[in-house]
Every structure is written in structure tokens, then in C-alpha cells.
Amino acid sequence: MAIDPHFERNRDVVDRHEAHDVWGPVDEPETLGIHGTHVAVDFDICIGDGACLEDCPVDVFEWTDSPDHPESEIKADPANESQCIDCMLCVDVCPVDAIDVDPGRSKRTR
């Protein structure tokens, strides 16, 4: 199951993390929601393989801990999503389709 490309319509912002929105539901440790808006990572399906961190030319992603999550205990967090240049490499290399980049969604931080 891939990230919901319409998460902004289907979910609510429930928190902030590293200057980006977290879209619920969140019920730690099993349910962590979607992190980011312009660059969105579904933490519930991210397996933490690191391909996005390795391939991103502008270092949008940073590791963040997710202890006891059933998929992985680290996640690729879009901590620097405002740096995104819309190259889509992260989307292309994610083996579980956990990332969505939409140039139409806001890059701003609140």
C-alpha cells in the first residue's frame, strides 16, 4: 500500500515535528502518520532502507528514531523539505512507495 496522494484532504494535521506537519492519525509506537507536506513520508509504511537519504541531492531527509514501530525503528524524516528541488529521486527509489512529492503543495514552514 502506497502513501495516500490525497492525504491533505483525507487527514488532519495533529502535530509538528522538525518544522514540518504531521498528518494523523498518530498512536505511537504503531501508528506514526505522514510527516511533511511538500515532501511527505508515510512513517507507517517506511521501512527505513535509506535509499532516499542516499539519493537526495539536496539532503531533504534525516534519520529519526521510531522505537518499536513494526516496519522499522528508524524513519527517513523530511526535516529539510523546504530544500526540495522536485527532482523526484526519492519517490523513484523508495521500495515501498512511502514518499510523495507534490510541487503544488506548499514548501513553506509555519
N, C-alpha and C. Protein backbone atom coordinates (compact mmCIF):
# COMPACT_ATOMS: atom_id res chain seq x y z
N MET A 1 0.85 -1.19 0.00
CA MET A 1 0.00 0.00 0.00
C MET A 1 0.89 1.25 0.00
N ALA A 2 0.68 2.12 -0.92
CA ALA A 2 1.47 3.34 -1.07
C ALA A 2 0.89 4.49 -0.25
N ILE A 3 1.69 5.54 -0.10
CA ILE A 3 1.22 6.74 0.57
C ILE A 3 -0.01 7.29 -0.15
N ASP A 4 -0.93 7.80 0.60
CA ASP A 4 -2.15 8.40 0.06
C ASP A 4 -1.78 9.75 -0.57
N PRO A 5 -1.89 9.89 -1.90
CA PRO A 5 -1.52 11.15 -2.54
C PRO A 5 -2.48 12.30 -2.20
N HIS A 6 -3.60 11.97 -1.58
CA HIS A 6 -4.60 12.99 -1.20
C HIS A 6 -4.69 13.14 0.32
N PHE A 7 -3.57 12.87 1.00
CA PHE A 7 -3.60 12.90 2.46
C PHE A 7 -4.03 14.25 3.02
N GLU A 8 -3.76 15.33 2.31
CA GLU A 8 -4.16 16.65 2.82
C GLU A 8 -5.68 16.78 2.92
N ARG A 9 -6.39 16.08 2.06
CA ARG A 9 -7.85 16.09 2.10
C ARG A 9 -8.39 15.04 3.07
N ASN A 10 -7.65 13.95 3.21
CA ASN A 10 -8.15 12.80 3.96
C ASN A 10 -7.69 12.74 5.41
N ARG A 11 -6.76 13.59 5.78
CA ARG A 11 -6.21 13.56 7.15
C ARG A 11 -6.14 14.98 7.71
N ASP A 12 -5.94 15.06 9.01
CA ASP A 12 -5.78 16.34 9.69
C ASP A 12 -4.36 16.45 10.25
N VAL A 13 -3.87 17.68 10.32
CA VAL A 13 -2.60 17.93 10.98
C VAL A 13 -2.83 17.75 12.48
N VAL A 14 -2.01 16.87 13.08
CA VAL A 14 -2.17 16.58 14.50
C VAL A 14 -0.96 16.99 15.34
N ASP A 15 0.13 17.36 14.67
CA ASP A 15 1.34 17.69 15.41
C ASP A 15 2.33 18.38 14.47
N ARG A 16 3.45 18.84 15.05
CA ARG A 16 4.58 19.38 14.30
C ARG A 16 5.81 18.60 14.71
N HIS A 17 6.72 18.37 13.76
CA HIS A 17 7.98 17.67 14.06
C HIS A 17 9.05 18.27 13.17
N GLU A 18 10.14 18.74 13.77
CA GLU A 18 11.27 19.29 13.00
C GLU A 18 10.81 20.28 11.92
N ALA A 19 9.94 21.19 12.27
CA ALA A 19 9.45 22.27 11.39
C ALA A 19 8.56 21.79 10.25
N HIS A 20 7.98 20.60 10.37
CA HIS A 20 7.01 20.17 9.37
C HIS A 20 5.78 19.57 10.05
N ASP A 21 4.70 19.52 9.30
CA ASP A 21 3.44 18.99 9.82
C ASP A 21 3.48 17.47 9.92
N VAL A 22 2.70 16.96 10.87
CA VAL A 22 2.45 15.52 10.98
C VAL A 22 0.94 15.34 10.81
N TRP A 23 0.60 14.50 9.85
CA TRP A 23 -0.79 14.25 9.49
C TRP A 23 -1.23 12.94 10.14
N GLY A 24 -2.29 12.98 10.93
CA GLY A 24 -2.74 11.82 11.69
C GLY A 24 -3.50 10.80 10.88
N PRO A 25 -3.87 9.75 11.55
CA PRO A 25 -3.79 9.57 12.99
C PRO A 25 -2.39 9.17 13.45
N VAL A 26 -2.13 9.44 14.72
CA VAL A 26 -0.89 9.04 15.37
C VAL A 26 -1.26 8.34 16.68
N ASP A 27 -0.72 7.15 16.84
CA ASP A 27 -0.90 6.39 18.08
C ASP A 27 0.37 5.56 18.26
N GLU A 28 1.37 6.23 18.86
CA GLU A 28 2.69 5.61 18.98
C GLU A 28 2.64 4.35 19.83
N PRO A 29 3.45 3.36 19.57
CA PRO A 29 4.51 3.33 18.56
C PRO A 29 4.07 2.78 17.22
N GLU A 30 2.86 2.22 17.10
CA GLU A 30 2.46 1.54 15.87
C GLU A 30 2.02 2.47 14.74
N THR A 31 1.37 3.57 15.06
CA THR A 31 0.83 4.47 14.05
C THR A 31 1.50 5.82 14.20
N LEU A 32 2.28 6.23 13.17
CA LEU A 32 3.08 7.45 13.26
C LEU A 32 2.66 8.53 12.28
N GLY A 33 1.73 8.24 11.39
CA GLY A 33 1.21 9.24 10.47
C GLY A 33 2.14 9.57 9.32
N ILE A 34 1.78 10.63 8.62
CA ILE A 34 2.54 11.13 7.48
C ILE A 34 3.28 12.39 7.92
N HIS A 35 4.57 12.43 7.66
CA HIS A 35 5.41 13.57 8.04
C HIS A 35 5.74 14.39 6.80
N GLY A 36 5.52 15.71 6.91
CA GLY A 36 5.80 16.62 5.81
C GLY A 36 4.57 16.93 4.99
N THR A 37 4.71 17.93 4.13
CA THR A 37 3.60 18.33 3.26
C THR A 37 4.07 18.34 1.81
N HIS A 38 4.99 19.21 1.47
CA HIS A 38 5.53 19.23 0.11
C HIS A 38 6.26 17.92 -0.18
N VAL A 39 7.10 17.50 0.76
CA VAL A 39 7.74 16.18 0.72
C VAL A 39 7.11 15.41 1.87
N ALA A 40 6.31 14.41 1.55
CA ALA A 40 5.57 13.68 2.56
C ALA A 40 6.07 12.24 2.63
N VAL A 41 6.31 11.78 3.85
CA VAL A 41 6.74 10.40 4.09
C VAL A 41 5.73 9.74 5.01
N ASP A 42 5.17 8.63 4.55
CA ASP A 42 4.25 7.87 5.38
C ASP A 42 5.07 6.99 6.31
N PHE A 43 5.19 7.43 7.56
CA PHE A 43 6.01 6.71 8.54
C PHE A 43 5.45 5.33 8.85
N ASP A 44 4.19 5.10 8.55
CA ASP A 44 3.59 3.80 8.84
C ASP A 44 4.03 2.72 7.86
N ILE A 45 4.49 3.12 6.67
CA ILE A 45 4.95 2.12 5.70
C ILE A 45 6.43 2.23 5.39
N CYS A 46 7.09 3.30 5.84
CA CYS A 46 8.52 3.47 5.61
C CYS A 46 9.28 2.33 6.29
N ILE A 47 10.17 1.67 5.53
CA ILE A 47 10.95 0.56 6.09
C ILE A 47 12.36 0.99 6.47
N GLY A 48 12.70 2.25 6.29
CA GLY A 48 13.99 2.77 6.73
C GLY A 48 15.17 2.19 5.99
N ASP A 49 15.03 1.96 4.69
CA ASP A 49 16.15 1.36 3.94
C ASP A 49 17.20 2.40 3.55
N GLY A 50 16.87 3.68 3.57
CA GLY A 50 17.84 4.74 3.35
C GLY A 50 18.08 5.16 1.92
N ALA A 51 17.38 4.59 0.97
CA ALA A 51 17.60 4.95 -0.43
C ALA A 51 17.34 6.44 -0.67
N CYS A 52 16.33 6.99 -0.06
CA CYS A 52 16.02 8.41 -0.25
C CYS A 52 17.13 9.30 0.33
N LEU A 53 17.67 8.92 1.48
CA LEU A 53 18.76 9.69 2.07
C LEU A 53 19.99 9.66 1.18
N GLU A 54 20.28 8.52 0.61
CA GLU A 54 21.45 8.36 -0.25
C GLU A 54 21.32 9.11 -1.57
N ASP A 55 20.12 9.13 -2.14
CA ASP A 55 19.95 9.68 -3.49
C ASP A 55 19.53 11.15 -3.53
N CYS A 56 19.02 11.70 -2.46
CA CYS A 56 18.56 13.09 -2.48
C CYS A 56 19.75 14.03 -2.66
N PRO A 57 19.74 14.83 -3.74
CA PRO A 57 20.89 15.71 -4.00
C PRO A 57 20.96 16.94 -3.09
N VAL A 58 19.90 17.23 -2.35
CA VAL A 58 19.90 18.43 -1.51
C VAL A 58 19.65 18.12 -0.03
N ASP A 59 19.78 16.87 0.35
CA ASP A 59 19.70 16.44 1.76
C ASP A 59 18.41 16.85 2.46
N VAL A 60 17.30 16.53 1.82
CA VAL A 60 15.99 16.80 2.42
C VAL A 60 15.78 15.93 3.66
N PHE A 61 16.27 14.70 3.64
CA PHE A 61 15.94 13.71 4.67
C PHE A 61 17.02 13.57 5.73
N GLU A 62 16.56 13.27 6.95
CA GLU A 62 17.43 12.93 8.07
C GLU A 62 16.81 11.72 8.76
N TRP A 63 17.64 10.91 9.39
CA TRP A 63 17.12 9.79 10.17
C TRP A 63 16.46 10.30 11.43
N THR A 64 15.36 9.66 11.80
CA THR A 64 14.72 9.90 13.09
C THR A 64 14.34 8.55 13.68
N ASP A 65 14.42 8.44 14.97
CA ASP A 65 14.11 7.19 15.65
C ASP A 65 12.61 6.95 15.72
N SER A 66 12.25 5.68 15.58
CA SER A 66 10.85 5.27 15.73
C SER A 66 10.82 3.94 16.49
N PRO A 67 11.20 3.99 17.77
CA PRO A 67 11.31 2.77 18.56
C PRO A 67 10.01 1.96 18.58
N ASP A 68 10.17 0.66 18.41
CA ASP A 68 9.07 -0.30 18.48
C ASP A 68 8.06 -0.20 17.34
N HIS A 69 8.37 0.55 16.28
CA HIS A 69 7.46 0.56 15.14
C HIS A 69 7.61 -0.77 14.39
N PRO A 70 6.51 -1.37 13.96
CA PRO A 70 6.59 -2.69 13.34
C PRO A 70 7.37 -2.74 12.01
N GLU A 71 7.46 -1.64 11.28
CA GLU A 71 8.18 -1.66 10.00
C GLU A 71 9.67 -1.40 10.14
N SER A 72 10.04 -0.46 11.01
CA SER A 72 11.46 -0.16 11.24
C SER A 72 11.58 0.79 12.43
N GLU A 73 12.75 0.75 13.06
CA GLU A 73 12.97 1.60 14.22
C GLU A 73 13.67 2.91 13.88
N ILE A 74 13.84 3.18 12.58
CA ILE A 74 14.29 4.48 12.09
C ILE A 74 13.44 4.83 10.87
N LYS A 75 13.26 6.11 10.67
CA LYS A 75 12.47 6.60 9.53
C LYS A 75 13.22 7.71 8.83
N ALA A 76 12.95 7.86 7.55
CA ALA A 76 13.50 8.95 6.75
C ALA A 76 12.59 10.16 6.91
N ASP A 77 13.03 11.10 7.71
CA ASP A 77 12.23 12.27 8.05
C ASP A 77 12.54 13.41 7.08
N PRO A 78 11.52 14.03 6.47
CA PRO A 78 11.75 15.16 5.57
C PRO A 78 12.03 16.45 6.35
N ALA A 79 13.05 16.42 7.17
CA ALA A 79 13.37 17.52 8.08
C ALA A 79 13.72 18.81 7.36
N ASN A 80 14.19 18.70 6.12
CA ASN A 80 14.57 19.88 5.33
C ASN A 80 13.75 19.98 4.06
N GLU A 81 12.44 19.76 4.18
CA GLU A 81 11.61 19.70 2.98
C GLU A 81 11.61 21.01 2.18
N SER A 82 11.88 22.12 2.80
CA SER A 82 11.92 23.39 2.06
C SER A 82 13.09 23.44 1.07
N GLN A 83 14.06 22.55 1.23
CA GLN A 83 15.21 22.48 0.30
C GLN A 83 14.88 21.70 -0.97
N CYS A 84 13.76 21.01 -1.01
CA CYS A 84 13.41 20.12 -2.12
C CYS A 84 13.41 20.86 -3.46
N ILE A 85 13.99 20.23 -4.47
CA ILE A 85 14.06 20.80 -5.82
C ILE A 85 13.14 20.04 -6.78
N ASP A 86 12.26 19.21 -6.25
CA ASP A 86 11.26 18.48 -7.04
C ASP A 86 11.87 17.55 -8.08
N CYS A 87 13.02 16.97 -7.79
CA CYS A 87 13.66 16.05 -8.75
C CYS A 87 12.98 14.68 -8.76
N MET A 88 12.28 14.34 -7.69
CA MET A 88 11.52 13.10 -7.56
C MET A 88 12.36 11.85 -7.40
N LEU A 89 13.67 12.00 -7.18
CA LEU A 89 14.51 10.82 -7.00
C LEU A 89 14.05 9.99 -5.80
N CYS A 90 13.68 10.65 -4.73
CA CYS A 90 13.25 9.92 -3.53
C CYS A 90 12.01 9.08 -3.81
N VAL A 91 11.10 9.64 -4.58
CA VAL A 91 9.88 8.91 -4.95
C VAL A 91 10.25 7.69 -5.78
N ASP A 92 11.16 7.88 -6.72
CA ASP A 92 11.56 6.80 -7.62
C ASP A 92 12.27 5.66 -6.91
N VAL A 93 13.08 5.97 -5.87
CA VAL A 93 13.88 4.92 -5.24
C VAL A 93 13.22 4.27 -4.03
N CYS A 94 12.15 4.82 -3.53
CA CYS A 94 11.50 4.24 -2.35
C CYS A 94 10.88 2.89 -2.71
N PRO A 95 11.36 1.81 -2.08
CA PRO A 95 10.88 0.48 -2.46
C PRO A 95 9.45 0.18 -2.03
N VAL A 96 8.89 0.98 -1.12
CA VAL A 96 7.53 0.72 -0.65
C VAL A 96 6.57 1.88 -0.96
N ASP A 97 7.00 2.82 -1.79
CA ASP A 97 6.16 3.96 -2.18
C ASP A 97 5.64 4.74 -0.98
N ALA A 98 6.54 4.98 -0.02
CA ALA A 98 6.17 5.72 1.19
C ALA A 98 6.32 7.23 1.04
N ILE A 99 6.85 7.70 -0.11
CA ILE A 99 7.14 9.13 -0.28
C ILE A 99 6.32 9.71 -1.41
N ASP A 100 5.82 10.92 -1.19
CA ASP A 100 5.13 11.66 -2.25
C ASP A 100 5.68 13.08 -2.25
N VAL A 101 6.06 13.56 -3.42
CA VAL A 101 6.50 14.94 -3.60
C VAL A 101 5.52 15.58 -4.56
N ASP A 102 4.92 16.67 -4.15
CA ASP A 102 3.95 17.35 -4.99
C ASP A 102 4.34 18.82 -5.09
N PRO A 103 4.83 19.24 -6.27
CA PRO A 103 5.22 20.64 -6.44
C PRO A 103 4.08 21.62 -6.18
N GLY A 104 2.86 21.16 -6.23
CA GLY A 104 1.72 22.02 -5.98
C GLY A 104 1.42 22.25 -4.51
N ARG A 105 2.00 21.40 -3.66
CA ARG A 105 1.78 21.57 -2.22
C ARG A 105 2.82 22.53 -1.67
N SER A 106 2.46 23.20 -0.65
CA SER A 106 3.29 24.26 -0.06
C SER A 106 4.65 23.76 0.42
N LYS A 107 5.68 24.55 0.13
CA LYS A 107 7.03 24.30 0.65
C LYS A 107 7.27 25.12 1.92
N ARG A 108 6.38 25.98 2.25
CA ARG A 108 6.59 26.88 3.39
C ARG A 108 6.55 26.11 4.70
N THR A 109 7.21 26.68 5.67
CA THR A 109 7.12 26.16 7.03
C THR A 109 6.36 27.17 7.86
N ARG A 110 5.68 26.69 8.86
CA ARG A 110 4.86 27.58 9.70
C ARG A 110 5.64 28.11 10.86
